[in-house]
Amino acid sequence: MGILGIGVLPLVITIGIAVWQYFRRRKRRRLGCDTRPQAKKWAMRGLSTALVAAVAAGGTTAFASTVGIGDYIRSASSPYNMGDYYAEPTVTGAEAKRNLVTIYLESGEQTLANDEHFEKDAFAPLKDVTRPEDGWQSIENFNQYEGGGWTMSGLVSTQCGVPLKGVGASVDSGSPDQLVGSMNSYLGGLTCLGDILAEQGYTNVFLGGANPSFAAKGTFLANHGYTKDVGLDDWRAAGEPEESFRSDWGLSDERLMANAKNEIDQLHATAQQTGQPFNLSMLTLDTHEPVHIYDYCTVDTESEVTSAFFCSMTQVADFVEYMNQMGYLEDTSVVIMGDHLKHMSAGDAFHEQLGGHTNRTIFNRIWVPGETGTPETRSDADQLNMFPTLIEAAGLTLENREAGLGVSAFSPDIPGDSAQSFEPDPYKDLLESRSEQFYSEAWAARTAP
């Protein structure tokens, strides 16, 4: 609706009601027909006053909740512009390019691995198959970017290297998944992971249990190099049994990973025949609250959410182990990460455990094959840094090892003119900035070649 709809329109309605009431009473007095009892007059005036107040207050509340007055003022007064620090991804070498598998874990927060605060380590199954002694790495203190916290923000930040924002009034929308509505273009002015890999000959495939139309995820993928995007309707059309679906969301993680095995078998075979690599991305959903407990899950905790997380990680771990058994890890990089921190909305679990936690971070694991000298990852990186990290995990080299607002987590050094060189407070100001010109260009429809 925008600012006019949620901030100005209620005021216009308020004035209209007041003017209507004024002329209505004046006309009745002039014609001598205002014969209502005094008590009824006061009742009507009270009702009108309440209506005016409700409209005005409602409009103000809607404006505050939809735009976020504090955020809006801070973003408008920020001295920073993201365009000044955005690094256009420039590939300088592709001789070592390799396959890439990326698995996004719904609400995959590292904090849930703490079995002192929770009934058990929710990530234990996945940690068992991604051990450091076997060559797996992780970014210590992998942070959600300032202002993020939902699935599309996780996808965009890690695959495009910028915060997900609209333009102007919608910069800090209280309903971020509605930023783009039914638009046919999604950040067409940016170069994202799928674009870069497609340019290098990769086949880009995305598998998810939910409907791709939700939050325009399918539009984003189609606009950025993904030629195959499989979601809810596709799984139903393929004959997946009804018990494999949760009515409010989509296909179970068990069946998603089973289908992922078939998909990677085909992709890997084709890559070996053609010499062109693939990029397979996936997004789980079993841990989206309210959680759904499938027949294949065991509930052995007081909170079903903990058991649901453990069960989902078991399905992902099984897929990782399958890749290992098939020999795919010999030529395929794997990055596993949460899409965002666990939500803390009313009714969500673990408010007590997470509410006062001072170091909430995102679970992640990284596998890069065939390089015994792979450098350790840089700690305390946020989601924007994952964009260049994914590019380098695919075996490509980047100019200055940066892309978007991020610097590869494989790089121990940060360029002095990078956004990542900022101290925490200025960096927060940068990410909160409206940067209208930058986002106007970012949301521009892509021009066909």
Protein backbone atom coordinates (compact mmCIF):
# COMPACT_ATOMS: atom_id res chain seq x y z
CA MET A 1 0.00 0.00 0.00
CA GLY A 2 2.93 2.32 0.66
CA ILE A 3 3.17 5.41 2.85
CA LEU A 4 0.22 7.15 1.15
CA GLY A 5 -2.04 4.24 1.97
CA ILE A 6 -0.93 3.61 5.52
CA GLY A 7 0.09 7.07 6.71
CA VAL A 8 -1.71 9.75 4.66
CA LEU A 9 -5.02 8.06 3.78
CA PRO A 10 -6.15 7.65 7.43
CA LEU A 11 -5.59 11.38 7.99
CA VAL A 12 -7.62 12.24 4.88
CA ILE A 13 -10.44 10.00 6.12
CA THR A 14 -10.25 11.61 9.54
CA ILE A 15 -10.63 15.11 8.11
CA GLY A 16 -13.46 13.92 5.87
CA ILE A 17 -15.42 12.53 8.80
CA ALA A 18 -14.99 15.75 10.76
CA VAL A 19 -16.09 17.97 7.83
CA TRP A 20 -19.10 15.72 7.09
CA GLN A 21 -20.22 15.85 10.72
CA TYR A 22 -19.86 19.64 10.83
CA PHE A 23 -22.03 20.32 7.78
CA ARG A 24 -24.52 17.64 8.78
CA ARG A 25 -25.15 19.23 12.16
CA ARG A 26 -25.26 22.74 10.63
CA LYS A 27 -27.90 21.69 8.10
CA ARG A 28 -30.08 20.04 10.76
CA ARG A 29 -29.94 23.13 12.96
CA ARG A 30 -30.76 25.43 10.00
CA LEU A 31 -33.81 23.34 9.06
CA GLY A 32 -34.89 23.04 12.68
CA CYS A 33 -35.08 19.31 12.47
CA ASP A 34 -32.52 18.39 15.10
CA THR A 35 -35.10 16.98 17.52
CA ARG A 36 -33.02 14.16 18.92
CA PRO A 37 -32.87 13.83 22.72
CA GLN A 38 -29.79 15.40 24.28
CA ALA A 39 -28.48 12.01 25.43
CA LYS A 40 -28.69 10.61 21.91
CA LYS A 41 -26.84 13.64 20.51
CA TRP A 42 -23.98 13.05 22.89
CA ALA A 43 -23.96 9.34 22.07
CA MET A 44 -23.66 10.08 18.36
CA ARG A 45 -20.94 12.65 18.96
CA GLY A 46 -19.09 10.16 21.12
CA LEU A 47 -19.36 7.51 18.42
CA SER A 48 -18.10 9.91 15.78
CA THR A 49 -15.22 11.01 17.97
CA ALA A 50 -14.30 7.38 18.63
CA LEU A 51 -14.44 6.61 14.91
CA VAL A 52 -12.19 9.55 14.07
CA ALA A 53 -9.74 8.56 16.80
CA ALA A 54 -9.74 4.93 15.69
CA VAL A 55 -9.01 5.82 12.08
CA ALA A 56 -6.24 8.21 13.02
CA ALA A 57 -4.72 5.88 15.57
CA GLY A 58 -5.12 2.91 13.25
CA GLY A 59 -3.38 4.74 10.46
CA THR A 60 -0.54 5.78 12.73
CA THR A 61 -0.20 2.26 14.10
CA ALA A 62 -0.24 0.77 10.61
CA PHE A 63 2.40 3.21 9.48
CA ALA A 64 4.58 2.43 12.49
CA SER A 65 4.22 -1.34 12.16
CA THR A 66 4.51 -1.54 8.39
CA VAL A 67 7.37 0.87 7.85
CA GLY A 68 8.84 0.99 11.34
CA ILE A 69 9.10 4.66 12.28
CA GLY A 70 12.38 4.26 14.18
CA ASP A 71 13.98 2.27 11.38
CA TYR A 72 12.58 4.62 8.77
CA ILE A 73 14.04 7.70 10.47
CA ARG A 74 17.40 6.03 11.02
CA SER A 75 17.60 4.80 7.44
CA ALA A 76 16.64 8.19 6.06
CA SER A 77 19.27 9.97 8.16
CA SER A 78 22.09 7.52 7.44
CA PRO A 79 25.12 9.17 5.79
CA TYR A 80 25.92 5.94 3.92
CA ASN A 81 24.95 4.61 0.53
CA MET A 82 25.44 0.94 -0.23
CA GLY A 83 26.23 1.73 -3.84
CA ASP A 84 29.50 3.32 -2.69
CA TYR A 85 30.68 0.00 -1.24
CA TYR A 86 29.08 -2.53 -3.59
CA ALA A 87 31.67 -4.60 -5.48
CA GLU A 88 30.46 -5.92 -8.83
CA PRO A 89 31.40 -9.64 -8.89
CA THR A 90 34.27 -10.08 -11.34
CA VAL A 91 35.49 -13.61 -12.05
CA THR A 92 39.21 -13.63 -12.85
CA GLY A 93 39.73 -17.38 -13.16
CA ALA A 94 37.65 -20.50 -13.74
CA GLU A 95 40.26 -23.21 -14.34
CA ALA A 96 39.41 -25.02 -11.11
CA LYS A 97 35.62 -24.74 -11.27
CA ARG A 98 33.76 -27.59 -9.57
CA ASN A 99 30.22 -28.69 -8.74
CA LEU A 100 28.44 -26.92 -5.91
CA VAL A 101 25.69 -28.14 -3.56
CA THR A 102 24.09 -25.63 -1.18
CA ILE A 103 21.59 -26.71 1.46
CA TYR A 104 19.60 -24.07 3.34
CA LEU A 105 18.24 -25.25 6.70
CA GLU A 106 14.97 -23.61 7.67
CA SER A 107 15.58 -21.59 10.88
CA GLY A 108 18.95 -23.32 11.28
CA GLU A 109 20.30 -21.50 14.30
CA GLN A 110 23.59 -22.67 15.80
CA THR A 111 22.33 -21.93 19.31
CA LEU A 112 20.04 -24.97 19.11
CA ALA A 113 23.14 -27.18 19.19
CA ASN A 114 23.65 -26.27 22.86
CA ASP A 115 22.43 -29.31 24.80
CA GLU A 116 22.83 -27.42 28.06
CA HIS A 117 20.05 -24.99 27.13
CA PHE A 118 17.99 -27.50 25.18
CA GLU A 119 17.10 -31.12 25.76
CA LYS A 120 19.60 -32.36 23.20
CA ASP A 121 21.84 -31.13 20.39
CA ALA A 122 19.42 -30.60 17.50
CA PHE A 123 22.27 -30.70 14.97
CA ALA A 124 23.99 -33.84 16.25
CA PRO A 125 23.14 -36.04 13.20
CA LEU A 126 24.50 -33.46 10.79
CA LYS A 127 27.59 -32.74 12.89
CA ASP A 128 28.41 -36.46 12.86
CA VAL A 129 28.81 -36.47 9.05
CA THR A 130 30.54 -33.08 8.76
CA ARG A 131 33.42 -33.49 11.20
CA PRO A 132 36.42 -31.14 11.13
CA GLU A 133 38.81 -34.10 11.25
CA ASP A 134 37.33 -35.26 7.93
CA GLY A 135 38.02 -31.91 6.27
CA TRP A 136 34.77 -30.01 6.91
CA GLN A 137 35.02 -26.38 7.92
CA SER A 138 32.68 -23.83 9.42
CA ILE A 139 32.55 -20.08 9.85
CA GLU A 140 32.74 -19.41 13.57
CA ASN A 141 30.08 -16.92 14.63
CA PHE A 142 28.33 -16.84 11.25
CA ASN A 143 25.93 -13.95 11.77
CA GLN A 144 22.56 -13.03 10.38
CA TYR A 145 22.98 -9.66 8.72
CA GLU A 146 21.50 -6.63 10.47
CA GLY A 147 17.89 -6.34 9.31
CA GLY A 148 17.59 -9.92 8.03
CA GLY A 149 15.64 -12.78 9.53
CA TRP A 150 13.39 -14.46 6.96
CA THR A 151 13.93 -16.96 4.16
CA MET A 152 14.14 -14.62 1.18
CA SER A 153 16.51 -12.32 3.05
CA GLY A 154 18.70 -15.37 3.65
CA LEU A 155 18.66 -16.39 -0.01
CA VAL A 156 19.27 -12.90 -1.37
CA SER A 157 21.99 -11.97 1.11
CA THR A 158 23.97 -15.19 0.55
CA GLN A 159 23.47 -15.32 -3.23
CA CYS A 160 23.59 -11.59 -4.09
CA GLY A 161 25.65 -10.10 -1.26
CA VAL A 162 23.21 -7.31 -0.28
CA PRO A 163 20.43 -6.87 2.28
CA LEU A 164 16.97 -7.50 0.88
CA LYS A 165 15.18 -4.17 0.78
CA GLY A 166 12.52 -2.54 -1.31
CA VAL A 167 12.68 0.99 -2.64
CA GLY A 168 11.74 4.09 -0.65
CA ALA A 169 8.88 3.53 1.79
CA SER A 170 9.12 -0.24 1.68
CA VAL A 171 12.73 -0.29 2.83
CA ASP A 172 11.86 -1.63 6.26
CA SER A 173 8.56 -3.31 5.55
CA GLY A 174 6.97 -5.18 8.42
CA SER A 175 5.95 -7.83 5.86
CA PRO A 176 9.26 -8.36 4.05
CA ASP A 177 8.05 -11.38 2.10
CA GLN A 178 5.52 -9.08 0.41
CA LEU A 179 8.12 -6.65 -0.90
CA VAL A 180 7.76 -7.62 -4.52
CA GLY A 181 4.18 -8.86 -4.77
CA SER A 182 3.46 -10.11 -8.28
CA MET A 183 6.39 -8.41 -9.98
CA ASN A 184 7.89 -10.23 -12.93
CA SER A 185 11.43 -9.13 -12.13
CA TYR A 186 13.31 -9.68 -8.89
CA LEU A 187 16.47 -7.65 -8.31
CA GLY A 188 17.14 -7.79 -12.03
CA GLY A 189 19.76 -5.07 -11.72
CA LEU A 190 22.06 -7.24 -9.59
CA THR A 191 24.46 -10.02 -10.55
CA CYS A 192 23.88 -12.96 -8.22
CA LEU A 193 25.31 -16.45 -7.74
CA GLY A 194 23.11 -18.14 -10.33
CA ASP A 195 23.99 -15.51 -12.93
CA ILE A 196 27.71 -15.98 -12.41
CA LEU A 197 27.56 -19.76 -12.48
CA ALA A 198 25.29 -19.82 -15.54
CA GLU A 199 27.81 -17.59 -17.33
CA GLN A 200 30.47 -20.19 -16.49
CA GLY A 201 28.40 -23.03 -17.99
CA TYR A 202 26.82 -24.39 -14.81
CA THR A 203 23.41 -26.03 -14.69
CA ASN A 204 21.51 -24.35 -11.85
CA VAL A 205 18.80 -26.36 -10.08
CA PHE A 206 16.74 -25.50 -6.99
CA LEU A 207 14.72 -28.01 -4.96
CA GLY A 208 12.30 -26.92 -2.24
CA GLY A 209 9.26 -28.42 -0.58
CA ALA A 210 7.19 -25.24 -0.61
CA ASN A 211 5.47 -23.36 -3.40
CA PRO A 212 8.01 -21.31 -5.41
CA SER A 213 5.45 -18.51 -5.81
CA PHE A 214 5.55 -17.75 -2.08
CA ALA A 215 7.46 -14.48 -1.54
CA ALA A 216 8.31 -14.58 -5.28
CA LYS A 217 11.12 -17.07 -4.66
CA GLY A 218 10.53 -18.62 -8.06
CA THR A 219 10.77 -15.24 -9.75
CA PHE A 220 14.08 -14.57 -8.02
CA LEU A 221 15.51 -17.92 -9.11
CA ALA A 222 14.25 -17.63 -12.69
CA ASN A 223 15.69 -14.12 -12.97
CA HIS A 224 19.09 -15.26 -11.75
CA GLY A 225 20.22 -18.22 -13.78
CA TYR A 226 18.25 -21.13 -12.35
CA THR A 227 16.75 -23.18 -15.17
CA LYS A 228 14.99 -25.72 -12.96
CA ASP A 229 13.01 -24.87 -9.84
CA VAL A 230 11.03 -27.74 -8.31
CA GLY A 231 8.39 -27.02 -5.66
CA LEU A 232 5.08 -28.06 -4.15
CA ASP A 233 2.98 -28.38 -7.33
CA ASP A 234 5.74 -30.30 -9.09
CA TRP A 235 5.98 -32.84 -6.26
CA ARG A 236 2.22 -33.36 -6.30
CA ALA A 237 2.25 -33.78 -10.07
CA ALA A 238 5.07 -36.32 -9.72
CA GLY A 239 2.84 -38.49 -7.54
CA GLU A 240 4.33 -37.93 -4.10
CA PRO A 241 1.98 -39.56 -1.53
CA GLU A 242 -0.30 -37.22 0.38
CA GLU A 243 1.18 -38.25 3.73
CA SER A 244 4.49 -36.75 2.57
CA PHE A 245 2.99 -33.25 2.63
CA ARG A 246 2.13 -30.92 5.46
CA SER A 247 -1.06 -29.09 4.56
CA ASP A 248 0.22 -25.66 5.55
CA TRP A 249 3.55 -25.71 3.73
CA GLY A 250 4.83 -28.47 1.46
CA LEU A 251 6.83 -31.66 0.95
CA SER A 252 8.60 -33.31 3.88
CA ASP A 253 12.37 -33.13 4.24
CA GLU A 254 12.58 -36.91 4.04
CA ARG A 255 11.06 -36.94 0.57
CA LEU A 256 12.92 -33.79 -0.47
CA MET A 257 16.25 -35.45 0.29
CA ALA A 258 15.17 -38.69 -1.38
CA ASN A 259 14.39 -36.74 -4.54
CA ALA A 260 17.64 -34.81 -4.15
CA LYS A 261 19.54 -38.11 -4.39
CA ASN A 262 17.93 -38.80 -7.76
CA GLU A 263 18.61 -35.24 -8.90
CA ILE A 264 22.29 -35.25 -7.99
CA ASP A 265 22.73 -38.65 -9.63
CA GLN A 266 21.49 -37.19 -12.90
CA LEU A 267 23.36 -33.92 -12.54
CA HIS A 268 26.65 -35.62 -11.70
CA ALA A 269 26.36 -38.09 -14.57
CA THR A 270 25.65 -35.26 -17.02
CA ALA A 271 28.53 -33.18 -15.66
CA GLN A 272 30.93 -36.06 -16.21
CA GLN A 273 29.71 -36.51 -19.78
CA THR A 274 29.73 -32.83 -20.75
CA GLY A 275 32.50 -31.46 -18.58
CA GLN A 276 30.15 -28.69 -17.41
CA PRO A 277 29.52 -28.48 -13.66
CA PHE A 278 26.25 -28.10 -11.78
CA ASN A 279 24.91 -26.03 -8.92
CA LEU A 280 22.23 -27.75 -6.82
CA SER A 281 20.55 -25.64 -4.13
CA MET A 282 17.96 -26.89 -1.65
CA LEU A 283 15.78 -25.51 1.14
CA THR A 284 14.31 -27.62 3.96
CA LEU A 285 11.00 -26.85 5.68
CA ASP A 286 10.22 -29.37 8.44
CA THR A 287 11.53 -26.96 11.08
CA HIS A 288 9.23 -24.12 10.04
CA GLU A 289 6.93 -23.44 12.98
CA PRO A 290 4.44 -24.67 13.83
CA VAL A 291 6.42 -27.85 13.26
CA HIS A 292 4.81 -30.95 11.79
CA ILE A 293 5.85 -34.35 13.15
CA TYR A 294 5.95 -36.97 10.41
CA ASP A 295 5.66 -40.71 11.00
CA TYR A 296 9.39 -41.14 10.39
CA CYS A 297 10.25 -38.79 13.28
CA THR A 298 10.62 -39.84 16.91
CA VAL A 299 9.48 -37.41 19.57
CA ASP A 300 11.72 -38.00 22.58
CA THR A 301 11.84 -34.46 23.96
CA GLU A 302 9.40 -32.39 25.95
CA SER A 303 9.33 -29.82 23.17
CA GLU A 304 8.31 -31.24 19.80
CA VAL A 305 10.35 -28.51 18.12
CA THR A 306 13.64 -30.01 19.33
CA SER A 307 12.65 -33.43 18.02
CA ALA A 308 11.54 -31.91 14.70
CA PHE A 309 14.92 -30.20 14.29
CA PHE A 310 16.78 -33.40 15.14
CA CYS A 311 14.65 -35.36 12.67
CA SER A 312 15.17 -32.82 9.87
CA MET A 313 18.94 -32.82 10.42
CA THR A 314 18.87 -36.62 10.23
CA GLN A 315 17.39 -36.40 6.72
CA VAL A 316 20.01 -33.87 5.60
CA ALA A 317 22.80 -35.95 7.16
CA ASP A 318 21.58 -38.97 5.22
CA PHE A 319 21.88 -37.01 1.97
CA VAL A 320 25.41 -35.85 2.87
CA GLU A 321 26.42 -39.42 3.65
CA TYR A 322 24.91 -40.53 0.33
CA MET A 323 27.08 -38.01 -1.53
CA ASN A 324 30.09 -39.33 0.32
CA GLN A 325 29.30 -42.97 -0.47
CA MET A 326 28.75 -42.16 -4.16
CA GLY A 327 32.10 -40.39 -4.38
CA TYR A 328 30.51 -37.04 -5.21
CA LEU A 329 32.45 -35.22 -2.50
CA GLU A 330 35.60 -35.81 -4.53
CA ASP A 331 34.61 -33.15 -7.06
CA THR A 332 31.74 -31.29 -5.43
CA SER A 333 31.82 -28.51 -2.86
CA VAL A 334 29.06 -28.49 -0.27
CA VAL A 335 27.83 -25.57 1.80
CA ILE A 336 25.19 -26.15 4.48
CA MET A 337 23.74 -23.21 6.39
CA GLY A 338 20.64 -21.93 8.12
CA ASP A 339 18.58 -19.45 6.15
CA HIS A 340 18.08 -17.26 9.22
CA LEU A 341 17.92 -17.36 13.00
CA LYS A 342 14.95 -19.04 14.60
CA HIS A 343 11.95 -16.74 14.75
CA MET A 344 10.87 -15.34 18.09
CA SER A 345 7.27 -14.47 17.25
CA ALA A 346 4.45 -14.99 19.74
CA GLY A 347 3.75 -18.69 20.03
CA ASP A 348 7.18 -19.80 18.79
CA ALA A 349 9.23 -22.11 20.99
CA PHE A 350 12.29 -21.33 23.12
CA HIS A 351 11.61 -17.69 24.04
CA GLU A 352 13.15 -18.27 27.46
CA GLN A 353 16.29 -19.96 26.11
CA LEU A 354 16.89 -17.58 23.20
CA GLY A 355 15.43 -14.31 24.44
CA GLY A 356 18.42 -13.32 26.53
CA HIS A 357 21.09 -15.07 24.48
CA THR A 358 23.85 -12.64 23.52
CA ASN A 359 25.49 -14.62 20.71
CA ARG A 360 22.86 -16.09 18.42
CA THR A 361 24.51 -17.30 15.21
CA ILE A 362 23.68 -19.45 12.16
CA PHE A 363 24.72 -23.08 11.79
CA ASN A 364 27.02 -23.75 8.83
CA ARG A 365 29.36 -26.36 7.36
CA ILE A 366 31.62 -26.09 4.30
CA TRP A 367 33.28 -28.82 2.26
CA VAL A 368 35.84 -28.04 -0.45
CA PRO A 369 37.31 -31.15 -2.12
CA GLY A 370 40.84 -31.89 -3.23
CA GLU A 371 42.58 -29.02 -1.48
CA THR A 372 44.55 -30.06 1.57
CA GLY A 373 45.76 -26.51 1.89
CA THR A 374 42.31 -24.90 1.98
CA PRO A 375 42.64 -21.89 4.30
CA GLU A 376 40.67 -21.65 7.47
CA THR A 377 37.59 -19.52 7.26
CA ARG A 378 37.43 -16.03 8.73
CA SER A 379 35.29 -15.83 11.85
CA ASP A 380 32.49 -13.34 12.59
CA ALA A 381 31.37 -13.03 8.97
CA ASP A 382 27.72 -12.33 8.24
CA GLN A 383 25.45 -13.62 5.47
CA LEU A 384 26.59 -11.00 2.95
CA ASN A 385 30.06 -12.58 3.02
CA MET A 386 28.66 -15.94 2.00
CA PHE A 387 28.07 -14.71 -1.57
CA PRO A 388 31.77 -14.50 -2.52
CA THR A 389 32.44 -17.56 -0.32
CA LEU A 390 30.06 -19.65 -2.43
CA ILE A 391 31.68 -18.40 -5.64
CA GLU A 392 35.12 -19.42 -4.38
CA ALA A 393 33.78 -22.74 -3.08
CA ALA A 394 32.74 -23.41 -6.69
CA GLY A 395 36.40 -23.06 -7.67
CA LEU A 396 36.16 -19.62 -9.26
CA THR A 397 38.51 -16.78 -8.36
CA LEU A 398 37.28 -13.26 -7.73
CA GLU A 399 38.88 -9.88 -8.13
CA ASN A 400 39.91 -8.76 -4.63
CA ARG A 401 38.01 -11.82 -3.34
CA GLU A 402 34.88 -9.71 -2.89
CA ALA A 403 31.38 -9.56 -4.33
CA GLY A 404 28.42 -7.40 -3.34
CA LEU A 405 29.09 -6.04 0.14
CA GLY A 406 30.94 -9.19 1.18
CA VAL A 407 34.45 -10.58 1.21
CA SER A 408 35.05 -14.33 0.91
CA ALA A 409 35.29 -16.05 4.28
CA PHE A 410 38.27 -17.95 2.83
CA SER A 411 40.18 -14.65 2.73
CA PRO A 412 41.95 -13.65 5.94
CA ASP A 413 42.38 -10.11 4.64
CA ILE A 414 39.70 -7.49 4.04
CA PRO A 415 40.29 -4.66 1.51
CA GLY A 416 40.47 -1.29 3.22
CA ASP A 417 37.68 0.17 1.09
CA SER A 418 35.30 -2.75 1.71
CA ALA A 419 32.14 -2.48 3.77
CA GLN A 420 33.57 -5.35 5.81
CA SER A 421 36.34 -3.06 7.07
CA PHE A 422 33.79 -0.97 8.99
CA GLU A 423 33.50 -1.00 12.74
CA PRO A 424 30.22 -2.55 13.98
CA ASP A 425 28.20 0.65 14.46
CA PRO A 426 29.01 2.26 11.07
CA TYR A 427 28.45 -1.13 9.39
CA LYS A 428 25.02 -1.32 10.99
CA ASP A 429 24.27 2.21 9.77
CA LEU A 430 25.31 1.22 6.26
CA LEU A 431 23.03 -1.82 6.20
CA GLU A 432 20.15 0.23 7.59
CA SER A 433 20.60 3.01 5.04
CA ARG A 434 17.81 3.51 2.51
CA SER A 435 20.27 3.72 -0.41
CA GLU A 436 17.36 4.57 -2.69
CA GLN A 437 19.34 5.05 -5.87
CA PHE A 438 21.15 1.75 -5.38
CA TYR A 439 17.94 -0.19 -4.80
CA SER A 440 16.10 1.58 -7.61
CA GLU A 441 18.76 0.27 -9.96
CA ALA A 442 18.85 -3.12 -8.25
CA TRP A 443 15.11 -3.62 -8.72
CA ALA A 444 15.19 -2.51 -12.35
CA ALA A 445 14.04 -5.17 -14.79
CA ARG A 446 16.88 -6.96 -16.52
CA THR A 447 17.38 -5.98 -20.15
CA ALA A 448 17.39 -8.93 -22.51
CA PRO A 449 20.71 -9.40 -24.34
